[in-house]
Protein backbone atom coordinates (compact mmCIF):
# COMPACT_ATOMS: atom_id res chain seq x y z
CA MET A 1 0.20 0.19 -0.08
CA ASP A 2 1.42 3.29 -0.87
CA PHE A 3 0.52 4.97 2.60
CA GLN A 4 2.43 8.14 1.79
CA ASN A 5 -0.50 9.34 -0.84
CA SER A 6 -3.62 7.24 0.85
CA PHE A 7 -3.17 9.85 3.89
CA ASP A 8 -3.29 14.02 4.41
CA HIS A 9 -2.24 13.76 7.91
CA PHE A 10 0.14 11.39 10.29
CA VAL A 11 -0.18 11.28 13.59
CA PHE A 12 2.74 9.90 15.63
CA ASP A 13 3.17 8.29 19.24
CA LEU A 14 7.05 8.72 20.11
CA ASP A 15 8.02 6.16 22.60
CA GLY A 16 8.44 3.16 20.67
CA VAL A 17 7.68 4.48 17.28
CA ILE A 18 10.00 7.61 16.81
CA TYR A 19 12.55 6.64 19.44
CA SER A 20 13.26 4.11 22.32
CA GLY A 21 15.00 6.07 25.13
CA GLU A 22 17.47 8.10 23.44
CA LYS A 23 17.96 6.26 19.56
CA ALA A 24 15.64 6.78 16.78
CA ILE A 25 13.61 3.79 15.57
CA GLY A 26 14.25 2.30 11.85
CA ASP A 27 14.20 5.02 9.38
CA SER A 28 12.53 7.59 11.33
CA PRO A 29 14.21 10.74 10.76
CA GLN A 30 14.27 9.83 6.94
CA VAL A 31 10.45 9.53 7.29
CA LEU A 32 9.95 12.80 8.83
CA LYS A 33 11.71 14.21 6.57
CA ILE A 34 10.05 13.12 3.38
CA LEU A 35 6.40 13.67 5.21
CA ARG A 36 7.66 17.01 5.48
CA LYS A 37 8.81 17.39 1.93
CA ASN A 38 5.36 16.32 0.65
CA LYS A 39 3.92 18.66 2.76
CA LYS A 40 1.99 15.89 4.64
CA GLY A 41 0.32 17.13 8.01
CA ILE A 42 2.10 15.87 11.26
CA ARG A 43 1.21 15.43 14.66
CA PHE A 44 3.13 13.93 17.46
CA ILE A 45 0.90 13.09 20.46
CA THR A 46 2.50 11.29 23.41
CA ASN A 47 1.22 10.36 27.39
CA ASN A 48 4.55 11.36 28.91
CA PRO A 49 3.90 13.62 31.34
CA SER A 50 7.37 14.50 32.08
CA ARG A 51 8.17 16.91 29.48
CA SER A 52 7.18 19.92 27.64
CA PRO A 53 6.97 20.23 23.55
CA SER A 54 10.01 22.39 23.50
CA ASP A 55 11.74 19.25 25.47
CA TYR A 56 10.55 16.92 22.85
CA ALA A 57 11.27 19.32 19.83
CA GLU A 58 14.98 19.32 21.03
CA LYS A 59 15.08 15.66 21.72
CA LEU A 60 13.91 15.25 18.10
CA SER A 61 16.29 17.58 16.81
CA LYS A 62 19.03 15.64 18.10
CA LEU A 63 17.68 12.58 16.15
CA GLY A 64 18.06 14.76 13.51
CA ILE A 65 14.18 15.07 12.93
CA GLU A 66 12.83 18.46 12.10
CA SER A 67 9.74 19.61 14.31
CA HIS A 68 8.09 22.66 16.25
CA ASP A 69 6.12 23.09 19.48
CA GLY A 70 2.76 23.34 18.04
CA GLU A 71 3.19 19.90 16.48
CA PHE A 72 3.00 18.24 20.14
CA VAL A 73 0.27 17.14 21.93
CA THR A 74 0.83 16.34 25.53
CA SER A 75 -1.01 14.38 28.40
CA PRO A 76 -0.22 17.62 30.82
CA MET A 77 -2.18 19.55 27.93
CA ALA A 78 -4.92 16.85 28.17
CA THR A 79 -4.82 16.66 31.89
CA VAL A 80 -5.89 20.87 31.63
CA SER A 81 -8.56 20.36 29.23
CA LEU A 82 -10.62 17.94 31.82
CA ILE A 83 -9.98 20.01 34.52
CA LYS A 84 -11.20 23.31 32.89
CA GLU A 85 -14.51 21.07 31.76
CA LYS A 86 -14.75 19.46 35.05
CA MET A 87 -14.54 23.05 37.28
CA PRO A 88 -17.70 24.66 36.15
CA SER A 89 -19.82 21.62 38.39
CA GLU A 90 -17.28 21.55 40.74
CA LYS A 91 -15.89 23.98 43.56
CA TRP A 92 -12.15 22.92 43.20
CA LYS A 93 -9.94 26.17 44.54
CA THR A 94 -6.41 23.80 45.47
CA VAL A 95 -4.37 21.16 43.94
CA PHE A 96 -1.65 18.86 44.88
CA ILE A 97 0.65 18.16 41.96
CA ALA A 98 2.55 14.81 41.85
CA GLY A 99 4.35 15.68 38.50
CA SER A 100 6.97 17.11 36.48
CA ASN A 101 7.28 21.03 36.87
CA TYR A 102 5.83 21.15 33.20
CA LEU A 103 2.77 19.15 34.50
CA LYS A 104 2.81 21.88 37.20
CA SER A 105 3.09 24.75 35.20
CA GLU A 106 -0.02 23.47 32.70
CA VAL A 107 -2.42 22.75 35.57
CA ARG A 108 -1.93 26.35 37.11
CA LYS A 109 -3.01 27.82 33.92
CA THR A 110 -6.47 26.51 35.44
CA GLY A 111 -6.36 28.85 37.99
CA LEU A 112 -6.56 26.69 40.65
CA VAL A 113 -3.83 27.30 43.88
CA GLU A 114 -0.84 24.95 43.85
CA LEU A 115 -0.96 23.63 47.91
CA TYR A 116 3.18 22.21 49.22
CA GLY A 117 3.59 19.39 51.92
CA GLU A 118 1.22 19.00 55.04
CA ASP A 119 -1.25 21.62 53.57
CA SER A 120 -1.69 19.76 50.45
CA LEU A 121 -3.29 16.93 52.60
CA GLY A 122 -7.00 19.08 52.35
CA ALA A 123 -6.37 19.79 48.73
CA ASP A 124 -9.80 19.99 46.26
CA LEU A 125 -8.26 17.99 43.60
CA VAL A 126 -4.97 15.53 43.33
CA VAL A 127 -3.31 15.56 39.95
CA VAL A 128 -0.58 13.02 39.48
CA GLY A 129 1.88 12.38 36.42
CA SER A 130 5.24 9.94 36.29
CA HIS A 131 8.48 12.11 36.84
CA PRO A 132 12.07 11.10 37.32
CA GLY A 133 11.73 12.45 41.24
CA PHE A 134 8.43 10.47 41.73
CA ASN A 135 8.94 9.64 45.61
CA LEU A 136 7.07 7.69 48.61
CA GLU A 137 6.09 11.14 50.10
CA GLU A 138 4.27 11.84 46.49
CA ILE A 139 2.11 8.69 47.42
CA ARG A 140 1.75 9.57 51.10
CA ILE A 141 0.35 12.53 50.60
CA ALA A 142 -1.80 12.03 47.04
CA SER A 143 -3.27 8.92 48.82
CA ILE A 144 -4.24 11.01 52.13
CA ALA A 145 -5.79 14.00 50.51
CA ILE A 146 -7.58 11.43 48.07
CA GLY A 147 -8.67 10.01 51.15
CA ASN A 148 -9.95 13.43 52.76
CA GLY A 149 -11.84 13.86 49.98
CA ALA A 150 -9.87 15.08 46.89
CA VAL A 151 -10.94 14.18 43.48
CA PHE A 152 -8.07 12.06 41.80
CA ILE A 153 -6.97 12.70 38.26
CA GLY A 154 -3.96 10.82 36.64
CA THR A 155 -2.28 12.30 33.18
CA ASN A 156 -2.39 8.78 32.07
CA GLY A 157 -3.42 5.46 32.43
CA ASP A 158 0.04 4.17 30.60
CA TYR A 159 1.75 0.82 32.93
CA PHE A 160 4.83 1.18 31.36
CA TYR A 161 6.99 2.60 28.11
CA PRO A 162 9.29 1.29 26.24
CA CYS A 163 13.14 2.22 26.83
CA GLU A 164 16.67 0.61 25.54
CA HIS A 165 16.71 -2.16 28.53
CA GLY A 166 13.01 -3.11 28.23
CA ARG A 167 9.99 -1.74 29.92
CA ALA A 168 10.16 1.11 32.32
CA PRO A 169 7.05 1.85 34.62
CA ALA A 170 4.49 4.59 33.85
CA THR A 171 1.89 6.75 35.44
CA GLY A 172 -0.31 4.25 35.53
CA ALA A 173 1.61 2.03 37.52
CA LEU A 174 2.11 5.07 40.13
CA LEU A 175 -1.62 5.37 39.81
CA ALA A 176 -2.03 2.25 40.93
CA SER A 177 -0.20 2.53 44.18
CA VAL A 178 -1.92 5.78 45.15
CA GLU A 179 -5.26 3.89 44.27
CA ALA A 180 -4.31 0.55 46.38
CA ALA A 181 -3.76 2.89 49.46
CA SER A 182 -6.48 5.63 49.27
CA GLY A 183 -9.33 2.89 47.94
CA LYS A 184 -10.45 5.63 44.67
CA LYS A 185 -9.55 5.14 41.25
CA ALA A 186 -8.35 7.98 39.18
CA MET A 187 -9.70 8.96 36.00
CA THR A 188 -7.12 10.09 33.51
CA ALA A 189 -6.69 12.79 30.88
CA GLY A 190 -4.29 11.20 28.20
CA LYS A 191 -4.99 8.66 25.53
CA PRO A 192 -6.88 6.56 24.46
CA GLN A 193 -9.62 9.16 26.44
CA ARG A 194 -10.49 11.70 24.40
CA TYR A 195 -8.90 15.02 25.32
CA MET A 196 -5.76 14.28 23.49
CA PHE A 197 -7.88 14.01 20.17
CA ASP A 198 -10.64 17.07 20.87
CA LEU A 199 -6.69 19.13 21.33
CA LEU A 200 -5.49 17.61 17.85
CA GLU A 201 -8.40 18.45 16.11
CA LYS A 202 -8.16 22.24 17.45
CA SER A 203 -4.93 21.80 16.04
CA GLY A 204 -6.43 21.63 12.56
CA VAL A 205 -6.11 17.57 12.22
CA THR A 206 -9.11 16.30 10.78
CA PRO A 207 -10.48 12.78 12.43
CA THR A 208 -11.28 10.84 9.20
CA LYS A 209 -9.88 8.01 7.63
CA LYS A 210 -7.27 10.12 5.58
CA THR A 211 -5.41 10.93 8.97
CA LEU A 212 -3.69 8.08 10.11
CA LEU A 213 -2.46 7.44 13.82
CA VAL A 214 0.56 5.45 14.31
CA GLY A 215 1.51 3.95 17.74
CA ASP A 216 2.51 0.94 19.80
CA SER A 217 0.21 0.04 22.14
CA LEU A 218 -3.16 -1.43 21.02
CA ARG A 219 -4.93 -0.47 24.52
CA ILE A 220 -3.89 3.27 24.33
CA ASP A 221 -2.92 4.33 21.07
CA ILE A 222 -4.94 2.10 18.67
CA ALA A 223 -8.08 2.03 20.83
CA GLY A 224 -7.96 5.93 21.12
CA GLY A 225 -7.19 6.38 17.37
CA GLY A 226 -10.25 4.18 16.38
CA LYS A 227 -12.53 5.70 18.46
CA ALA A 228 -11.83 8.92 17.04
CA GLY A 229 -12.25 8.11 13.93
CA TYR A 230 -8.55 7.95 12.38
CA SER A 231 -7.30 5.21 10.71
CA THR A 232 -4.74 3.79 12.47
CA ALA A 233 -1.35 1.99 12.29
CA LEU A 234 0.19 -0.54 14.74
CA VAL A 235 3.81 -0.73 14.87
CA LEU A 236 5.98 -3.68 16.38
CA SER A 237 8.64 -1.69 17.58
CA GLY A 238 7.30 -0.58 21.25
CA VAL A 239 5.23 -2.56 23.81
CA THR A 240 3.46 -4.53 21.46
CA LYS A 241 4.28 -7.78 20.02
CA LYS A 242 3.46 -10.40 17.39
CA THR A 243 2.08 -12.81 19.73
CA ASP A 244 -0.25 -10.29 21.90
CA LEU A 245 -2.22 -9.33 18.67
CA GLY A 246 -4.40 -12.77 18.45
CA SER A 247 -6.02 -12.71 21.89
CA ASN A 248 -6.91 -8.73 21.75
CA GLU A 249 -10.26 -7.57 20.59
CA ILE A 250 -8.41 -4.11 19.51
CA THR A 251 -8.32 -4.31 16.29
CA PRO A 252 -5.82 -1.79 13.89
CA ASP A 253 -6.59 -0.86 10.35
CA PHE A 254 -2.42 -1.78 9.45
CA VAL A 255 0.28 -3.99 11.67
CA LEU A 256 3.72 -3.06 10.52
CA GLU A 257 7.14 -3.81 11.98
CA ASP A 258 8.13 0.11 12.71
CA ILE A 259 8.05 3.63 11.17
CA SER A 260 10.04 3.00 8.05
CA PHE A 261 6.93 1.21 6.18
CA LEU A 262 6.24 4.84 4.98
CA LEU A 263 9.20 4.96 2.89
CA GLU A 264 7.81 3.03 0.16
CA PRO A 265 4.65 0.77 -0.44
CA ARG A 266 5.88 -2.17 1.28
CA GLN A 267 5.30 -3.89 4.55
CA GLY A 268 1.85 -3.50 5.75
CA THR A 269 -0.52 -5.78 6.50
CA GLY A 270 -4.07 -4.63 6.23
CA ASN A 271 -6.15 -6.15 8.68
CA LYS A 272 -9.52 -4.33 7.18
């Protein structure tokens, strides 16, 4: 199949699709260069809440991939959308945020007052997103605050992400620990929820079958993209392997080895 001439927009997950750790996957730099040359719409969509769009643009630049801040949609951006949607019917004034500086700066845009230390135990809202410095104290404060009545929001529900040495824990694994301690489930904003896809549409990406979402997770990327109305391509360069496909009811439109499938009409296995 000639993928490049079949689609107008391409939406890429990052971890497990464009790169793994600090290394580009397959021919991803060349793929993105050709798509830009052919004037295709490009967006990057990631559930990883630890980095800002400018951070991602800098990382891609080091891999030889051109991008700009406006092409990224992140789970912290989606978290802000979720909070703003709920705020008119809620009485939230304060928030405890267990997450990166980027996540904190995004949540502050809602007008909520961020609490710290023991003051956080009385917060109206708790927001959790993975970051390198996540620690037991954050779990303690979040769990107690939620037990005291705070609403619980997680940036995303991914249990792990692919790295150079295997699988590393992601926000979903941290949410599970807080859920176990507090006895309450988190609502999430990232893929496969609609908030990130709403942001994509606002950025100019039409939710039609002429838009191809490329991801490595059936539960997160493919489920979300399919529900949003996109065509979907699963790559096997990240968290999903061929052995996972037979027993899963989520079906992508295409299953491919890695992003290199976009270089020429080859490799693609249609499922429809």
